């Protein structure tokens, strides 16, 4: 016997497809924002829940990834503004870990640290554009800014990163 298909069965099926296609990408975005695995997983769930409630607003399936990324960015921003998060120290020091982490490449560590030290708006643009691989238009849509603002933020972030990384080389050599 086949189940009776209600009006939401098509909607659930569309959401299932979106989850299969983009769950890892959305988790990566949330983790880069929240810097904690469990918070990122919660944000992913919230993202897909919100996507389900607004699935009728997605008219162009080709833009699904950037539409979901925008929802995820907004959820992460809201989470970071919450009183609970602003009063909580979420950063774990490497020496606090029970299992020693593998020693990362010095160049990657310096670059990652430099990116994390960027102002939020520059970090967002660089993360979406260069780490997540979105093009300028998609990044602009996700962040709710113009493509020229994305280019400007990325350019300023690159100048700042270059300056910081070249400065760190001078101190090491």
N, C-alpha and C. Protein backbone atom coordinates (compact mmCIF):
# COMPACT_ATOMS: atom_id res chain seq x y z
N UNK A 1 0.85 -1.18 0.00
CA UNK A 1 0.00 0.00 0.00
C UNK A 1 0.89 1.24 0.00
N UNK A 2 0.61 2.17 -0.85
CA UNK A 2 1.39 3.40 -0.91
C UNK A 2 0.76 4.43 0.01
N UNK A 3 1.62 5.28 0.57
CA UNK A 3 1.14 6.32 1.47
C UNK A 3 0.41 7.41 0.70
N UNK A 4 -0.49 8.03 1.36
CA UNK A 4 -1.22 9.14 0.76
C UNK A 4 -0.29 10.35 0.75
N UNK A 5 -0.18 10.95 -0.39
CA UNK A 5 0.70 12.11 -0.55
C UNK A 5 -0.09 13.37 -0.27
N UNK A 6 0.32 14.10 0.76
CA UNK A 6 -0.33 15.35 1.11
C UNK A 6 0.32 16.50 0.37
N UNK A 7 -0.18 17.70 0.59
CA UNK A 7 0.36 18.87 -0.11
C UNK A 7 1.81 19.17 0.28
N UNK A 8 2.25 18.73 1.46
CA UNK A 8 3.61 19.01 1.89
C UNK A 8 4.61 17.95 1.46
N UNK A 9 4.16 16.85 0.86
CA UNK A 9 5.10 15.79 0.49
C UNK A 9 6.09 16.27 -0.57
N UNK A 10 5.64 17.05 -1.51
CA UNK A 10 6.55 17.59 -2.53
C UNK A 10 7.56 18.54 -1.88
N UNK A 11 7.08 19.33 -0.94
CA UNK A 11 7.94 20.28 -0.24
C UNK A 11 9.01 19.53 0.56
N UNK A 12 8.61 18.47 1.26
CA UNK A 12 9.57 17.66 2.03
C UNK A 12 10.59 17.02 1.11
N UNK A 13 10.14 16.58 -0.03
CA UNK A 13 11.04 15.95 -1.01
C UNK A 13 12.07 16.98 -1.53
N UNK A 14 11.61 18.18 -1.82
CA UNK A 14 12.53 19.25 -2.27
C UNK A 14 13.57 19.55 -1.20
N UNK A 15 13.12 19.62 0.07
CA UNK A 15 14.04 19.88 1.16
C UNK A 15 15.06 18.76 1.31
N UNK A 16 14.61 17.52 1.18
CA UNK A 16 15.52 16.38 1.28
C UNK A 16 16.61 16.46 0.23
N UNK A 17 16.24 16.86 -0.97
CA UNK A 17 17.23 17.02 -2.05
C UNK A 17 18.23 18.12 -1.69
N UNK A 18 17.73 19.24 -1.18
CA UNK A 18 18.61 20.34 -0.79
C UNK A 18 19.57 19.92 0.32
N UNK A 19 19.07 19.18 1.29
CA UNK A 19 19.92 18.71 2.38
C UNK A 19 21.03 17.82 1.84
N UNK A 20 20.67 16.88 1.00
CA UNK A 20 21.68 15.97 0.43
C UNK A 20 22.74 16.73 -0.35
N UNK A 21 22.32 17.72 -1.11
CA UNK A 21 23.26 18.45 -1.96
C UNK A 21 24.13 19.43 -1.20
N UNK A 22 23.59 20.11 -0.19
CA UNK A 22 24.29 21.27 0.37
C UNK A 22 24.60 21.21 1.86
N UNK A 23 24.26 20.12 2.52
CA UNK A 23 24.46 20.07 3.97
C UNK A 23 25.92 20.31 4.36
N UNK A 24 26.85 19.70 3.67
CA UNK A 24 28.27 19.86 4.02
C UNK A 24 28.73 21.30 3.80
N UNK A 25 28.30 21.92 2.71
CA UNK A 25 28.68 23.31 2.43
C UNK A 25 28.13 24.25 3.51
N UNK A 26 26.90 24.02 3.90
CA UNK A 26 26.27 24.87 4.91
C UNK A 26 26.94 24.64 6.28
N UNK A 27 27.30 23.41 6.58
CA UNK A 27 28.00 23.12 7.83
C UNK A 27 29.35 23.84 7.86
N UNK A 28 30.04 23.84 6.74
CA UNK A 28 31.35 24.52 6.65
C UNK A 28 31.19 26.02 6.91
N UNK A 29 30.19 26.62 6.31
CA UNK A 29 29.94 28.06 6.52
C UNK A 29 29.64 28.33 8.00
N UNK A 30 28.75 27.53 8.57
CA UNK A 30 28.36 27.73 9.97
C UNK A 30 29.56 27.52 10.90
N UNK A 31 30.39 26.55 10.60
CA UNK A 31 31.56 26.31 11.45
C UNK A 31 32.54 27.48 11.38
N UNK A 32 32.74 28.01 10.18
CA UNK A 32 33.65 29.14 10.04
C UNK A 32 33.14 30.37 10.80
N UNK A 33 31.84 30.51 10.89
CA UNK A 33 31.26 31.62 11.66
C UNK A 33 31.33 31.37 13.15
N UNK A 34 30.89 30.19 13.56
CA UNK A 34 30.67 29.93 14.98
C UNK A 34 31.88 29.29 15.67
N UNK A 35 32.75 28.68 14.90
CA UNK A 35 34.00 28.08 15.40
C UNK A 35 33.79 27.01 16.45
N UNK A 36 32.65 26.35 16.40
CA UNK A 36 32.37 25.26 17.32
C UNK A 36 31.45 24.27 16.61
N UNK A 37 31.84 23.01 16.60
CA UNK A 37 31.13 22.00 15.82
C UNK A 37 29.67 21.86 16.21
N UNK A 38 29.38 21.75 17.48
CA UNK A 38 27.99 21.53 17.90
C UNK A 38 27.11 22.74 17.60
N UNK A 39 27.63 23.93 17.81
CA UNK A 39 26.87 25.14 17.46
C UNK A 39 26.62 25.19 15.96
N UNK A 40 27.63 24.81 15.19
CA UNK A 40 27.49 24.81 13.73
C UNK A 40 26.42 23.81 13.30
N UNK A 41 26.40 22.64 13.90
CA UNK A 41 25.38 21.64 13.56
C UNK A 41 23.99 22.15 13.89
N UNK A 42 23.86 22.81 15.03
CA UNK A 42 22.57 23.41 15.39
C UNK A 42 22.15 24.46 14.37
N UNK A 43 23.11 25.27 13.95
CA UNK A 43 22.81 26.32 12.97
C UNK A 43 22.40 25.70 11.63
N UNK A 44 22.99 24.58 11.26
CA UNK A 44 22.61 23.90 10.02
C UNK A 44 21.16 23.42 10.12
N UNK A 45 20.82 22.85 11.25
CA UNK A 45 19.42 22.42 11.43
C UNK A 45 18.47 23.60 11.36
N UNK A 46 18.82 24.68 12.01
CA UNK A 46 17.99 25.89 11.95
C UNK A 46 17.88 26.41 10.52
N UNK A 47 18.98 26.32 9.79
CA UNK A 47 18.99 26.78 8.39
C UNK A 47 17.99 25.99 7.56
N UNK A 48 18.04 24.67 7.67
CA UNK A 48 17.13 23.85 6.86
C UNK A 48 15.69 23.94 7.36
N UNK A 49 15.49 24.16 8.62
CA UNK A 49 14.14 24.38 9.14
C UNK A 49 13.55 25.67 8.56
N UNK A 50 14.36 26.73 8.59
CA UNK A 50 13.90 28.00 8.04
C UNK A 50 13.70 27.87 6.52
N UNK A 51 14.60 27.15 5.87
CA UNK A 51 14.46 26.94 4.42
C UNK A 51 13.15 26.22 4.11
N UNK A 52 12.81 25.23 4.93
CA UNK A 52 11.56 24.50 4.71
C UNK A 52 10.35 25.43 4.81
N UNK A 53 10.37 26.31 5.81
CA UNK A 53 9.22 27.19 5.98
C UNK A 53 9.11 28.23 4.87
N UNK A 54 10.22 28.51 4.19
CA UNK A 54 10.22 29.51 3.12
C UNK A 54 10.55 28.90 1.76
N UNK A 55 10.37 27.60 1.62
CA UNK A 55 10.75 26.92 0.38
C UNK A 55 9.99 27.43 -0.83
N UNK A 56 8.81 27.93 -0.62
CA UNK A 56 8.03 28.46 -1.75
C UNK A 56 8.65 29.75 -2.30
N UNK A 57 9.52 30.39 -1.54
CA UNK A 57 10.20 31.60 -2.00
C UNK A 57 11.35 31.30 -2.95
N UNK A 58 11.80 30.04 -2.99
CA UNK A 58 12.90 29.64 -3.87
C UNK A 58 12.33 29.28 -5.23
N UNK A 59 12.43 30.23 -6.17
CA UNK A 59 11.87 30.02 -7.50
C UNK A 59 12.90 29.52 -8.48
N UNK A 60 14.16 29.82 -8.24
CA UNK A 60 15.23 29.42 -9.16
C UNK A 60 16.12 28.40 -8.45
N UNK A 61 15.98 27.15 -8.83
CA UNK A 61 16.74 26.07 -8.19
C UNK A 61 18.25 26.26 -8.35
N UNK A 62 18.67 26.96 -9.39
CA UNK A 62 20.09 27.21 -9.61
C UNK A 62 20.69 28.09 -8.52
N UNK A 63 19.84 28.84 -7.83
CA UNK A 63 20.32 29.73 -6.77
C UNK A 63 20.12 29.15 -5.38
N UNK A 64 19.81 27.87 -5.30
CA UNK A 64 19.51 27.23 -4.02
C UNK A 64 20.68 27.31 -3.05
N UNK A 65 21.88 27.06 -3.53
CA UNK A 65 23.05 27.05 -2.65
C UNK A 65 23.28 28.43 -2.03
N UNK A 66 23.23 29.48 -2.83
CA UNK A 66 23.46 30.81 -2.28
C UNK A 66 22.28 31.24 -1.40
N UNK A 67 21.07 30.79 -1.73
CA UNK A 67 19.90 31.09 -0.91
C UNK A 67 20.06 30.45 0.47
N UNK A 68 20.48 29.19 0.51
CA UNK A 68 20.71 28.51 1.78
C UNK A 68 21.87 29.14 2.54
N UNK A 69 22.92 29.52 1.83
CA UNK A 69 24.08 30.14 2.48
C UNK A 69 23.67 31.45 3.14
N UNK A 70 22.82 32.20 2.48
CA UNK A 70 22.36 33.47 3.06
C UNK A 70 21.56 33.23 4.34
N UNK A 71 20.70 32.23 4.31
CA UNK A 71 19.95 31.88 5.51
C UNK A 71 20.92 31.48 6.63
N UNK A 72 21.90 30.66 6.29
CA UNK A 72 22.87 30.19 7.30
C UNK A 72 23.67 31.35 7.88
N UNK A 73 24.12 32.27 7.04
CA UNK A 73 24.88 33.42 7.52
C UNK A 73 24.03 34.24 8.48
N UNK A 74 22.78 34.48 8.14
CA UNK A 74 21.90 35.25 9.01
C UNK A 74 21.65 34.54 10.34
N UNK A 75 21.48 33.24 10.31
CA UNK A 75 21.28 32.48 11.54
C UNK A 75 22.53 32.55 12.41
N UNK A 76 23.69 32.41 11.79
CA UNK A 76 24.95 32.49 12.55
C UNK A 76 25.15 33.89 13.15
N UNK A 77 24.84 34.91 12.37
CA UNK A 77 24.95 36.28 12.89
C UNK A 77 24.03 36.48 14.09
N UNK A 78 22.79 36.01 13.96
CA UNK A 78 21.84 36.13 15.07
C UNK A 78 22.36 35.38 16.30
N UNK A 79 22.91 34.21 16.06
CA UNK A 79 23.44 33.43 17.17
C UNK A 79 24.60 34.15 17.87
N UNK A 80 25.49 34.74 17.08
CA UNK A 80 26.63 35.45 17.67
C UNK A 80 26.20 36.70 18.43
N UNK A 81 25.05 37.26 18.10
CA UNK A 81 24.53 38.43 18.80
C UNK A 81 23.76 38.07 20.07
N UNK A 82 23.43 36.81 20.24
CA UNK A 82 22.60 36.42 21.38
C UNK A 82 23.35 36.66 22.70
N UNK A 83 22.62 37.01 23.74
CA UNK A 83 23.26 37.28 25.03
C UNK A 83 24.06 36.09 25.56
N UNK A 84 23.59 34.89 25.31
CA UNK A 84 24.28 33.70 25.79
C UNK A 84 25.69 33.62 25.20
N UNK A 85 25.80 33.83 23.92
CA UNK A 85 27.10 33.70 23.25
C UNK A 85 28.03 34.85 23.61
N UNK A 86 27.49 36.05 23.75
CA UNK A 86 28.36 37.18 24.03
C UNK A 86 28.98 37.11 25.43
N UNK A 87 28.41 36.31 26.32
CA UNK A 87 28.95 36.18 27.67
C UNK A 87 29.77 34.90 27.86
N UNK A 88 29.91 34.13 26.82
CA UNK A 88 30.53 32.82 26.93
C UNK A 88 31.89 32.82 26.23
N UNK A 89 32.90 32.25 26.86
CA UNK A 89 34.21 32.09 26.22
C UNK A 89 34.22 30.74 25.54
N UNK A 90 34.09 30.73 24.21
CA UNK A 90 33.97 29.49 23.47
C UNK A 90 35.30 28.97 22.94
N UNK A 91 36.36 29.68 23.15
CA UNK A 91 37.63 29.29 22.54
C UNK A 91 38.40 28.35 23.46
N UNK A 92 38.78 27.24 22.93
CA UNK A 92 39.53 26.24 23.66
C UNK A 92 40.99 26.38 23.26
N UNK A 93 41.85 26.40 24.24
CA UNK A 93 43.27 26.48 23.98
C UNK A 93 43.79 25.09 23.63
N UNK A 94 44.75 24.98 22.72
CA UNK A 94 45.26 23.66 22.32
C UNK A 94 45.73 22.82 23.50
N UNK A 95 46.33 23.45 24.50
CA UNK A 95 46.82 22.68 25.65
C UNK A 95 45.69 22.10 26.50
N UNK A 96 44.45 22.60 26.30
CA UNK A 96 43.30 22.09 27.04
C UNK A 96 42.72 20.82 26.42
N UNK A 97 43.15 20.49 25.22
CA UNK A 97 42.64 19.30 24.54
C UNK A 97 43.23 18.05 25.14
N UNK A 98 42.42 17.00 25.24
CA UNK A 98 42.90 15.73 25.81
C UNK A 98 43.81 15.00 24.83
N UNK A 99 43.48 15.07 23.55
CA UNK A 99 44.28 14.40 22.53
C UNK A 99 45.10 15.47 21.83
N UNK A 100 46.41 15.32 21.80
CA UNK A 100 47.22 16.34 21.14
C UNK A 100 46.89 16.41 19.65
N UNK A 101 46.75 17.61 19.16
CA UNK A 101 46.45 17.81 17.75
C UNK A 101 47.74 17.70 16.94
N UNK A 102 47.59 17.29 15.68
CA UNK A 102 48.75 17.23 14.80
C UNK A 102 49.25 18.65 14.58
N UNK A 103 50.54 18.79 14.44
CA UNK A 103 51.11 20.11 14.24
C UNK A 103 50.80 20.60 12.82
N UNK A 104 50.07 21.69 12.70
CA UNK A 104 49.73 22.20 11.37
C UNK A 104 50.93 22.89 10.73
N UNK A 105 50.85 23.01 9.42
CA UNK A 105 51.86 23.72 8.64
C UNK A 105 51.89 25.17 9.11
N UNK A 106 53.08 25.72 9.34
CA UNK A 106 53.21 27.09 9.86
C UNK A 106 52.55 28.13 8.96
N UNK A 107 52.68 27.95 7.64
CA UNK A 107 52.08 28.90 6.70
C UNK A 107 50.56 28.88 6.81
N UNK A 108 49.98 27.68 6.85
CA UNK A 108 48.52 27.56 6.97
C UNK A 108 48.03 28.12 8.30
N UNK A 109 48.77 27.86 9.35
CA UNK A 109 48.39 28.37 10.66
C UNK A 109 48.39 29.89 10.68
N UNK A 110 49.45 30.48 10.12
CA UNK A 110 49.55 31.94 10.10
C UNK A 110 48.43 32.54 9.26
N UNK A 111 48.16 31.93 8.11
CA UNK A 111 47.10 32.44 7.24
C UNK A 111 45.74 32.31 7.91
N UNK A 112 45.47 31.15 8.49
CA UNK A 112 44.19 30.95 9.17
C UNK A 112 44.01 31.95 10.30
N UNK A 113 45.05 32.14 11.09
CA UNK A 113 44.98 33.09 12.20
C UNK A 113 44.77 34.52 11.68
N UNK A 114 45.47 34.85 10.60
CA UNK A 114 45.32 36.19 10.03
C UNK A 114 43.90 36.42 9.52
N UNK A 115 43.31 35.41 8.87
CA UNK A 115 41.93 35.53 8.39
C UNK A 115 40.99 35.69 9.57
N UNK A 116 41.20 34.92 10.63
CA UNK A 116 40.32 35.01 11.79
C UNK A 116 40.46 36.35 12.51
N UNK A 117 41.58 37.03 12.33
CA UNK A 117 41.79 38.34 12.95
C UNK A 117 41.20 39.50 12.15
N UNK A 118 40.75 39.21 10.93
CA UNK A 118 40.15 40.27 10.11
C UNK A 118 38.86 40.77 10.76
N UNK A 119 38.49 42.01 10.48
CA UNK A 119 37.17 42.48 10.93
C UNK A 119 36.08 41.58 10.33
N UNK A 120 34.98 41.43 11.03
CA UNK A 120 33.92 40.49 10.63
C UNK A 120 33.51 40.64 9.17
N UNK A 121 33.27 41.87 8.71
CA UNK A 121 32.78 42.03 7.34
C UNK A 121 33.82 41.59 6.31
N UNK A 122 35.09 41.79 6.60
CA UNK A 122 36.14 41.33 5.68
C UNK A 122 36.29 39.82 5.76
N UNK A 123 36.22 39.27 6.98
CA UNK A 123 36.33 37.82 7.17
C UNK A 123 35.19 37.10 6.44
N UNK A 124 33.98 37.66 6.53
CA UNK A 124 32.83 37.05 5.84
C UNK A 124 33.07 36.99 4.34
N UNK A 125 33.48 38.10 3.77
CA UNK A 125 33.69 38.16 2.32
C UNK A 125 34.79 37.20 1.87
N UNK A 126 35.90 37.20 2.60
CA UNK A 126 37.03 36.32 2.24
C UNK A 126 36.63 34.85 2.39
N UNK A 127 35.94 34.53 3.47
CA UNK A 127 35.53 33.15 3.71
C UNK A 127 34.62 32.64 2.60
N UNK A 128 33.61 33.41 2.28
CA UNK A 128 32.67 32.98 1.25
C UNK A 128 33.32 32.95 -0.14
N UNK A 129 34.10 33.98 -0.43
CA UNK A 129 34.68 34.10 -1.77
C UNK A 129 35.83 33.12 -2.01
N UNK A 130 36.78 33.07 -1.11
CA UNK A 130 37.99 32.30 -1.37
C UNK A 130 38.00 30.92 -0.72
N UNK A 131 37.37 30.77 0.42
CA UNK A 131 37.38 29.47 1.08
C UNK A 131 36.21 28.61 0.61
N UNK A 132 35.02 29.22 0.53
CA UNK A 132 33.85 28.48 0.08
C UNK A 132 33.72 28.45 -1.44
N UNK A 133 34.39 29.36 -2.14
CA UNK A 133 34.40 29.33 -3.59
C UNK A 133 33.20 29.94 -4.29
N UNK A 134 32.44 30.77 -3.58
CA UNK A 134 31.33 31.46 -4.23
C UNK A 134 31.89 32.56 -5.13
N UNK A 135 31.19 32.83 -6.23
CA UNK A 135 31.63 33.94 -7.06
C UNK A 135 31.19 35.25 -6.42
N UNK A 136 31.60 36.36 -7.01
CA UNK A 136 31.34 37.66 -6.41
C UNK A 136 29.83 37.93 -6.29
N UNK A 137 29.07 37.59 -7.33
CA UNK A 137 27.63 37.82 -7.30
C UNK A 137 26.95 37.01 -6.20
N UNK A 138 27.32 35.72 -6.09
CA UNK A 138 26.73 34.88 -5.05
C UNK A 138 27.10 35.39 -3.65
N UNK A 139 28.35 35.77 -3.48
CA UNK A 139 28.80 36.30 -2.20
C UNK A 139 28.01 37.55 -1.84
N UNK A 140 27.79 38.41 -2.82
CA UNK A 140 27.01 39.63 -2.59
C UNK A 140 25.59 39.29 -2.16
N UNK A 141 24.97 38.32 -2.82
CA UNK A 141 23.61 37.93 -2.47
C UNK A 141 23.55 37.34 -1.07
N UNK A 142 24.53 36.53 -0.71
CA UNK A 142 24.54 35.91 0.61
C UNK A 142 24.69 36.97 1.69
N UNK A 143 25.58 37.92 1.47
CA UNK A 143 25.84 38.95 2.48
C UNK A 143 24.86 40.12 2.41
N UNK A 144 24.09 40.18 1.34
CA UNK A 144 23.12 41.27 1.21
C UNK A 144 23.78 42.60 0.90
N UNK A 145 24.86 42.55 0.13
CA UNK A 145 25.58 43.77 -0.27
C UNK A 145 25.79 43.73 -1.78
N UNK A 146 26.35 44.80 -2.33
CA UNK A 146 26.58 44.86 -3.77
C UNK A 146 27.85 44.08 -4.14
N UNK A 147 27.93 43.64 -5.39
CA UNK A 147 29.17 42.97 -5.84
C UNK A 147 30.40 43.86 -5.69
N UNK A 148 30.25 45.16 -5.91
CA UNK A 148 31.40 46.04 -5.76
C UNK A 148 31.84 46.11 -4.30
N UNK A 149 30.90 46.02 -3.37
CA UNK A 149 31.26 46.00 -1.94
C UNK A 149 32.02 44.72 -1.60
N UNK A 150 31.61 43.61 -2.21
CA UNK A 150 32.34 42.34 -2.00
C UNK A 150 33.77 42.49 -2.49
N UNK A 151 33.94 43.02 -3.70
CA UNK A 151 35.28 43.20 -4.26
C UNK A 151 36.12 44.11 -3.38
N UNK A 152 35.52 45.17 -2.92
CA UNK A 152 36.24 46.12 -2.06
C UNK A 152 36.66 45.46 -0.75
N UNK A 153 35.76 44.72 -0.13
CA UNK A 153 36.08 44.05 1.13
C UNK A 153 37.18 43.01 0.93
N UNK A 154 37.08 42.25 -0.14
CA UNK A 154 38.11 41.23 -0.41
C UNK A 154 39.46 41.89 -0.69
N UNK A 155 39.45 42.96 -1.45
CA UNK A 155 40.70 43.67 -1.76
C UNK A 155 41.34 44.22 -0.48
N UNK A 156 40.54 44.84 0.36
CA UNK A 156 41.06 45.38 1.62
C UNK A 156 41.55 44.26 2.54
N UNK A 157 40.81 43.16 2.56
CA UNK A 157 41.23 42.02 3.38
C UNK A 157 42.56 41.45 2.88
N UNK A 158 42.71 41.35 1.57
CA UNK A 158 43.96 40.82 1.00
C UNK A 158 45.14 41.74 1.32
N UNK A 159 44.92 43.04 1.25
CA UNK A 159 45.99 44.00 1.60
C UNK A 159 46.37 43.81 3.06
N UNK A 160 45.37 43.70 3.90
CA UNK A 160 45.62 43.53 5.33
C UNK A 160 46.33 42.20 5.62
N UNK A 161 45.88 41.14 4.95
CA UNK A 161 46.51 39.83 5.14
C UNK A 161 47.96 39.85 4.67
N UNK A 162 48.18 40.42 3.51
CA UNK A 162 49.55 40.50 2.97
C UNK A 162 50.46 41.26 3.94
N UNK A 163 49.96 42.37 4.44
CA UNK A 163 50.74 43.18 5.37
C UNK A 163 51.04 42.40 6.65
N UNK A 164 50.03 41.75 7.18
CA UNK A 164 50.22 40.99 8.42
C UNK A 164 51.17 39.82 8.21
N UNK A 165 50.99 39.09 7.10
CA UNK A 165 51.83 37.91 6.87
C UNK A 165 53.26 38.30 6.51
N UNK A 166 53.44 39.36 5.75
CA UNK A 166 54.79 39.81 5.44
C UNK A 166 55.46 40.36 6.68
N UNK A 167 54.71 41.02 7.53
CA UNK A 167 55.24 41.53 8.79
C UNK A 167 55.67 40.39 9.70
N UNK A 168 54.90 39.27 9.69
CA UNK A 168 55.26 38.15 10.55
C UNK A 168 56.51 37.47 10.02
N UNK A 169 56.72 37.48 8.68
CA UNK A 169 57.93 36.90 8.11
C UNK A 169 59.16 37.69 8.54
N UNK A 170 59.00 39.03 8.60
CA UNK A 170 60.13 39.87 8.99
C UNK A 170 60.55 39.58 10.43
N UNK A 171 59.57 39.27 11.29
CA UNK A 171 59.88 39.00 12.68
C UNK A 171 60.52 37.63 12.87
N UNK A 172 60.18 36.69 11.95
CA UNK A 172 60.71 35.34 12.08
C UNK A 172 62.06 35.17 11.46
N UNK A 173 62.41 36.01 10.50
CA UNK A 173 63.65 35.81 9.77
C UNK A 173 64.59 36.82 10.13
